[in-house]
Protein backbone atom coordinates (compact mmCIF):
# COMPACT_ATOMS: atom_id res chain seq x y z
CA MET A 1 62.54 -34.98 -16.45
CA GLN A 2 60.87 -32.72 -18.97
CA SER A 3 58.91 -35.56 -20.61
CA LEU A 4 57.17 -36.43 -17.34
CA VAL A 5 56.34 -32.75 -16.80
CA GLU A 6 54.78 -32.71 -20.29
CA ASP A 7 52.71 -35.79 -19.43
CA PHE A 8 51.45 -34.01 -16.31
CA LEU A 9 50.58 -30.86 -18.27
CA GLN A 10 48.64 -32.94 -20.80
CA TYR A 11 46.72 -34.50 -17.89
CA VAL A 12 45.99 -31.05 -16.41
CA ARG A 13 44.87 -29.75 -19.78
CA HIS A 14 42.73 -32.60 -21.09
CA GLU A 15 41.56 -34.62 -18.09
CA ARG A 16 41.36 -32.03 -15.34
CA GLY A 17 40.23 -29.24 -17.69
CA GLN A 18 42.19 -26.66 -15.70
CA ALA A 19 42.16 -23.02 -16.79
CA GLU A 20 44.76 -21.91 -19.32
CA HIS A 21 46.34 -19.62 -16.72
CA THR A 22 46.71 -22.54 -14.28
CA GLN A 23 48.34 -24.69 -16.99
CA LYS A 24 50.89 -21.98 -17.79
CA THR A 25 51.63 -21.44 -14.09
CA TYR A 26 52.26 -25.15 -13.51
CA ALA A 27 54.49 -25.32 -16.60
CA ALA A 28 56.60 -22.32 -15.57
CA LEU A 29 57.06 -23.46 -11.97
CA LEU A 30 57.90 -27.09 -12.77
CA ASN A 31 60.29 -26.06 -15.53
CA LYS A 32 62.00 -23.80 -13.01
CA PHE A 33 62.55 -26.80 -10.74
CA THR A 34 63.86 -29.09 -13.51
CA THR A 35 66.31 -26.38 -14.60
CA TRP A 36 67.56 -26.02 -11.02
CA ALA A 37 67.78 -29.81 -10.60
CA GLN A 38 70.03 -30.13 -13.64
CA THR A 39 72.45 -27.63 -12.10
CA GLN A 40 72.59 -29.98 -9.10
CA GLY A 41 73.43 -32.99 -11.25
CA VAL A 42 69.92 -34.51 -10.98
CA SER A 43 68.58 -35.70 -14.34
CA ASP A 44 65.78 -38.10 -13.37
CA TRP A 45 62.68 -37.66 -11.19
CA LYS A 46 63.43 -40.99 -9.46
CA SER A 47 66.66 -39.45 -8.19
CA VAL A 48 64.88 -36.49 -6.63
CA GLY A 49 64.58 -36.72 -2.87
CA LEU A 50 62.80 -34.62 -0.29
CA GLN A 51 66.13 -32.93 0.47
CA HIS A 52 66.25 -31.70 -3.14
CA LEU A 53 62.76 -30.21 -2.96
CA ARG A 54 63.61 -28.45 0.29
CA ALA A 55 66.92 -27.18 -1.08
CA PHE A 56 65.16 -25.82 -4.16
CA LEU A 57 62.53 -24.02 -2.08
CA GLU A 58 65.25 -22.58 0.17
CA HIS A 59 67.07 -21.39 -2.97
CA GLU A 60 63.88 -19.76 -4.21
CA ARG A 61 63.19 -18.17 -0.82
CA GLU A 62 66.62 -16.53 -0.80
CA ARG A 63 66.74 -15.67 -4.49
CA MET A 64 66.66 -12.00 -5.39
CA LEU A 65 64.09 -11.02 -7.99
CA GLU A 66 65.34 -9.93 -11.38
CA PRO A 67 64.71 -6.34 -12.52
CA LYS A 68 61.38 -6.05 -14.30
CA GLY A 69 61.98 -2.94 -16.40
CA ARG A 70 62.30 -3.19 -20.15
CA ARG A 71 65.08 -1.57 -22.08
CA PRO A 72 63.96 1.81 -23.44
CA ALA A 73 63.81 2.15 -27.21
CA LEU A 74 66.57 4.16 -28.88
CA ALA A 75 65.52 7.78 -29.22
CA PRO A 76 66.27 9.92 -32.29
CA ALA A 77 69.34 12.14 -32.06
CA GLY A 78 68.78 15.27 -30.04
CA THR A 79 65.79 13.90 -28.09
CA ALA A 80 65.49 12.49 -24.58
CA PRO A 81 65.46 8.67 -24.24
CA ALA A 82 62.09 7.04 -23.68
CA LYS A 83 61.13 6.15 -20.13
CA PRO A 84 61.04 2.43 -19.24
CA ALA A 85 57.62 0.80 -19.61
CA HIS A 86 57.75 -0.61 -16.07
CA LYS A 87 59.22 0.60 -12.83
CA PRO A 88 62.31 -1.56 -12.08
CA ARG A 89 62.01 -3.89 -9.11
CA ASP A 90 63.90 -3.23 -5.95
CA PRO A 91 67.05 -5.42 -6.32
CA ARG A 92 66.78 -6.35 -2.62
CA GLN A 93 63.27 -7.75 -3.04
CA ARG A 94 62.83 -11.49 -2.49
CA LEU A 95 60.20 -13.95 -3.60
CA SER A 96 56.84 -13.40 -1.90
CA GLY A 97 55.14 -15.97 0.33
CA GLU A 98 52.35 -16.19 -2.26
CA SER A 99 54.82 -17.20 -4.99
CA LEU A 100 56.42 -19.78 -2.71
CA TYR A 101 52.95 -21.17 -1.95
CA LEU A 102 52.30 -21.63 -5.69
CA GLU A 103 55.62 -23.41 -6.21
CA ILE A 104 54.87 -25.90 -3.44
CA ALA A 105 51.32 -26.41 -4.73
CA ALA A 106 52.66 -27.13 -8.24
CA LEU A 107 55.14 -29.71 -6.92
CA ARG A 108 52.47 -31.39 -4.78
CA ALA A 109 50.03 -31.58 -7.71
CA PHE A 110 52.73 -33.02 -9.98
CA TYR A 111 53.81 -35.69 -7.48
CA ARG A 112 50.20 -36.63 -6.72
CA TYR A 113 49.67 -37.25 -10.44
CA ALA A 114 52.95 -39.18 -10.82
CA GLU A 115 52.14 -41.45 -7.88
CA ASN A 116 48.56 -42.12 -9.02
CA GLU A 117 49.77 -42.97 -12.54
CA LYS A 118 52.53 -45.25 -11.13
CA LYS A 119 55.19 -43.06 -12.75
CA LEU A 120 56.89 -42.60 -9.38
CA GLU A 121 56.82 -44.91 -6.37
CA ALA A 122 56.10 -42.32 -3.70
CA ASN A 123 54.73 -38.81 -3.33
CA ILE A 124 57.60 -37.15 -1.48
CA ALA A 125 56.06 -33.69 -2.00
CA GLU A 126 53.20 -34.49 0.39
CA ASN A 127 55.69 -33.83 3.20
CA LEU A 128 56.07 -30.21 2.09
CA SER A 129 53.93 -27.90 4.21
CA LEU A 130 52.21 -25.01 2.52
CA PRO A 131 52.99 -21.59 4.03
CA ARG A 132 50.12 -19.59 5.45
CA ARG A 133 48.56 -17.31 2.83
CA TRP A 134 47.43 -13.82 3.60
CA GLN A 135 43.73 -13.38 2.99
CA ARG A 136 43.52 -10.72 0.31
CA LEU A 137 40.24 -8.88 0.61
CA PRO A 138 38.45 -8.16 -2.65
CA LYS A 139 38.31 -4.55 -3.80
CA ALA A 140 34.73 -3.95 -4.84
CA LEU A 141 33.64 -0.84 -6.71
CA SER A 142 31.09 1.42 -5.08
CA SER A 143 27.60 1.79 -6.54
CA GLY A 144 28.54 5.27 -7.77
CA GLU A 145 31.63 3.94 -9.55
CA ILE A 146 29.55 1.19 -11.17
CA GLU A 147 27.07 3.78 -12.47
CA LYS A 148 29.90 5.86 -13.96
CA LEU A 149 31.54 2.83 -15.51
CA LEU A 150 28.36 1.51 -17.11
CA ALA A 151 27.19 4.86 -18.49
CA PRO A 152 27.03 4.43 -22.32
CA GLU A 153 29.76 6.17 -24.31
CA THR A 154 29.15 8.46 -27.25
CA PRO A 155 29.67 8.44 -30.16
CA GLU A 156 28.84 4.79 -30.50
CA SER A 157 31.01 2.40 -32.52
CA PRO A 158 31.27 -1.40 -32.76
CA ALA A 159 34.14 -1.25 -30.26
CA THR A 160 32.25 0.87 -27.69
CA LEU A 161 29.16 -1.35 -28.04
CA CYS A 162 31.39 -4.38 -27.41
CA ASP A 163 32.95 -2.75 -24.33
CA GLN A 164 29.50 -1.85 -23.02
CA ALA A 165 28.25 -5.41 -23.41
CA VAL A 166 31.37 -6.88 -21.78
CA LEU A 167 31.13 -4.58 -18.75
CA GLU A 168 27.39 -5.01 -18.31
CA LEU A 169 27.67 -8.80 -18.48
CA ALA A 170 30.72 -8.94 -16.20
CA TYR A 171 28.89 -7.01 -13.49
CA ALA A 172 25.46 -8.59 -14.08
CA SER A 173 26.64 -12.20 -13.92
CA GLY A 174 30.02 -12.11 -12.12
CA LEU A 175 31.91 -13.89 -14.88
CA ARG A 176 35.64 -14.61 -14.80
CA LEU A 177 37.86 -13.12 -17.51
CA ALA A 178 38.26 -16.49 -19.26
CA GLU A 179 34.49 -17.03 -19.15
CA LEU A 180 33.90 -13.66 -20.82
CA ARG A 181 36.54 -14.25 -23.49
CA ASN A 182 35.40 -17.78 -24.35
CA LEU A 183 31.64 -17.17 -24.24
CA ARG A 184 30.06 -18.45 -27.46
CA LEU A 185 26.86 -17.47 -29.24
CA GLU A 186 25.19 -20.83 -28.54
CA GLN A 187 25.60 -20.23 -24.81
CA LEU A 188 23.36 -17.14 -24.92
CA HIS A 189 19.68 -17.52 -24.01
CA LEU A 190 18.83 -13.84 -23.79
CA GLU A 191 15.09 -14.19 -24.31
CA ALA A 192 14.97 -16.36 -21.20
CA GLY A 193 17.44 -14.08 -19.38
CA PHE A 194 20.32 -16.48 -18.74
CA ILE A 195 23.55 -17.85 -20.21
CA ASN A 196 25.36 -21.18 -19.91
CA VAL A 197 28.85 -20.65 -18.54
CA ILE A 198 31.78 -23.08 -18.84
CA GLY A 199 33.87 -22.38 -15.76
CA LYS A 200 36.98 -23.85 -14.14
CA GLY A 201 37.47 -27.56 -14.68
CA ASN A 202 34.95 -27.41 -17.57
CA LYS A 203 32.15 -27.20 -15.02
CA GLU A 204 28.95 -25.79 -16.49
CA ARG A 205 26.61 -23.48 -14.62
CA VAL A 206 23.64 -21.28 -15.45
CA ALA A 207 24.09 -17.56 -14.83
CA PRO A 208 21.16 -15.12 -14.83
CA VAL A 209 21.55 -11.95 -16.89
CA GLY A 210 19.84 -8.70 -15.87
CA LYS A 211 17.65 -6.62 -18.19
CA LYS A 212 20.25 -3.91 -18.76
CA ALA A 213 22.91 -6.48 -19.62
CA VAL A 214 20.50 -8.25 -21.99
CA ALA A 215 19.76 -4.93 -23.71
CA ALA A 216 23.47 -4.13 -24.06
CA LEU A 217 24.20 -7.59 -25.47
CA LEU A 218 21.35 -7.42 -28.00
CA ARG A 219 22.43 -3.96 -29.16
CA TYR A 220 26.02 -5.16 -29.55
CA LEU A 221 24.99 -8.31 -31.44
CA GLU A 222 22.67 -6.43 -33.79
CA GLU A 223 24.70 -3.27 -34.43
CA GLY A 224 28.27 -3.95 -33.31
CA ARG A 225 29.30 -7.56 -33.78
CA VAL A 226 27.94 -7.80 -37.32
CA LYS A 227 30.51 -5.12 -38.30
CA LEU A 228 33.36 -6.87 -36.51
CA VAL A 229 32.81 -10.35 -37.99
CA LYS A 230 35.32 -11.48 -40.61
CA PRO A 231 35.15 -14.62 -42.82
CA ARG A 232 37.29 -16.61 -40.37
CA SER A 233 35.86 -15.19 -37.14
CA PRO A 234 34.91 -17.83 -34.54
CA ALA A 235 31.53 -18.05 -32.79
CA THR A 236 32.81 -16.30 -29.66
CA VAL A 237 30.49 -13.49 -28.61
CA PHE A 238 33.09 -10.77 -28.14
CA LEU A 239 35.42 -9.90 -31.02
CA THR A 240 38.26 -7.43 -31.51
CA LYS A 241 38.42 -4.93 -34.37
CA ARG A 242 40.21 -7.61 -36.39
CA GLY A 243 37.38 -10.08 -35.86
CA THR A 244 39.44 -12.31 -33.55
CA PRO A 245 38.75 -13.47 -29.99
CA PHE A 246 40.13 -11.30 -27.20
CA HIS A 247 43.52 -12.03 -25.69
CA PRO A 248 43.31 -11.79 -21.86
CA VAL A 249 45.53 -8.70 -21.72
CA THR A 250 43.61 -6.98 -24.53
CA MET A 251 40.25 -7.34 -22.79
CA TRP A 252 41.73 -6.20 -19.47
CA LEU A 253 43.29 -3.12 -21.11
CA ARG A 254 40.01 -2.24 -22.85
CA MET A 255 38.24 -2.31 -19.47
CA LYS A 256 40.97 -0.23 -17.87
CA ARG A 257 40.85 2.45 -20.58
CA ARG A 258 37.07 2.58 -20.41
CA ALA A 259 37.28 3.12 -16.64
CA ARG A 260 39.76 5.97 -17.10
CA ARG A 261 37.51 7.66 -19.65
CA ALA A 262 34.67 7.34 -17.14
CA GLY A 263 36.76 9.21 -14.58
CA ILE A 264 37.45 6.23 -12.28
CA VAL A 265 40.93 6.44 -10.78
CA ARG A 266 40.99 2.93 -9.31
CA ASN A 267 42.27 -0.09 -11.22
CA VAL A 268 39.23 -1.77 -12.77
CA THR A 269 39.67 -5.41 -13.77
CA PRO A 270 37.27 -8.26 -14.61
CA HIS A 271 38.06 -9.68 -11.17
CA ALA A 272 37.12 -6.35 -9.53
CA LEU A 273 33.74 -6.47 -11.30
CA ARG A 274 33.27 -10.08 -10.20
CA HIS A 275 34.00 -9.07 -6.61
CA SER A 276 31.62 -6.12 -6.94
CA PHE A 277 28.88 -8.43 -8.24
CA ALA A 278 29.20 -10.74 -5.21
CA THR A 279 29.68 -7.98 -2.63
CA HIS A 280 26.66 -5.98 -3.78
CA LEU A 281 24.49 -9.11 -3.76
CA LEU A 282 25.56 -9.89 -0.21
CA GLU A 283 25.04 -6.33 0.98
CA ASN A 284 21.51 -6.41 -0.38
CA GLY A 285 20.60 -9.60 1.46
CA ALA A 286 21.51 -12.46 -0.89
CA ASP A 287 22.25 -15.85 0.67
CA LEU A 288 25.91 -16.87 0.60
CA ARG A 289 25.07 -20.29 -0.84
CA VAL A 290 23.27 -18.63 -3.76
CA ILE A 291 26.29 -16.42 -4.40
CA GLN A 292 28.49 -19.53 -4.34
CA GLU A 293 26.38 -21.09 -7.11
CA LEU A 294 26.37 -17.89 -9.16
CA LEU A 295 30.15 -17.53 -8.95
CA GLY A 296 30.80 -21.20 -9.67
CA HIS A 297 32.87 -21.76 -6.51
CA ALA A 298 33.47 -25.41 -5.66
CA SER A 299 33.75 -24.63 -1.94
CA ILE A 300 31.76 -22.26 0.25
CA SER A 301 35.03 -21.30 1.97
CA THR A 302 36.07 -19.49 -1.21
CA THR A 303 32.84 -17.50 -1.20
CA GLU A 304 33.09 -16.66 2.50
CA VAL A 305 35.73 -14.03 1.77
CA TYR A 306 32.85 -11.74 0.79
CA THR A 307 31.61 -11.73 4.37
CA HIS A 308 34.67 -9.63 5.20
CA VAL A 309 33.93 -6.94 2.65
CA ALA A 310 30.38 -6.24 3.76
CA GLY A 311 31.36 -4.79 7.14
CA SER A 312 29.74 -1.44 6.47
CA ARG A 313 26.43 -3.16 5.74
CA LEU A 314 26.70 -5.26 8.92
CA ARG A 315 27.41 -2.17 11.05
CA GLU A 316 24.45 -0.37 9.50
CA VAL A 317 22.09 -3.27 10.27
CA HIS A 318 23.46 -3.52 13.82
CA ARG A 319 22.93 0.19 14.49
CA LYS A 320 19.43 0.05 13.04
CA TYR A 321 18.11 -3.07 14.78
CA HIS A 322 20.09 -3.68 17.96
CA PRO A 323 18.39 -2.11 21.03
CA ARG A 324 21.71 -1.06 22.60
CA ALA A 325 23.48 0.07 19.43
């Protein structure tokens, strides 16, 4: 069973060009199913029936989540033990509807591939209905929070110049975390005020870059990156202190720490800056189709979520222009 899963993952990786995060999610979810199937005496995908898929999903729906907390490190004699790094999960907590949705989506994608490639005779997963997903509204930062976040830090260092350029570009162009991490020097066209972005599915788009972001990038490239480059450093724009590309968690933590130093209590992530980019454009009159192109969304329905976060702007316009408001 595992070999066919590996074939599917190779297809997702090389032919579909799916994001690294999507590849890892598919791998984890499908491996979870194959492990469960073996406990049921099923060792071949051709032996899997719709009743097995439903039984697995019912098992997952009823399964209690494992505690998340890590074991605290041993403390020296005479001192209090260290607190766990994470708050343990409630042992009564079950799998969320969102997680169940992802498991079904992974099975459906796998079976669609297996049927198309003639590896399996039928796509039995197409009979699985996806549960309704709650529409999670984006959490955009206010204009005041953006100003605080993007205020330059002193004293300057290669690391602070890098952080400044990352934040300015994330907000100026609405890039995803992977797009920021993987951005290469040859994709920059700062004199013309734009960059080439390789998004999901290896789709390329052009993203404008504002003057302040261009200035931050040029300052970082001229005074920061040159001090971070090591002999084996790649051509990615943003580098760590060791001259290596950023790991996703490392870049996220750098943003979070910068936000705390700026006095912002809320959780600031690359996705929050992307949402802020789109929301602020919409609130200032940008067309939704333009925002769709800038974000690299394949469907306008994905972009339409931003119409829900601009309610304050809509109420303001209504009060100002409606004769009976």
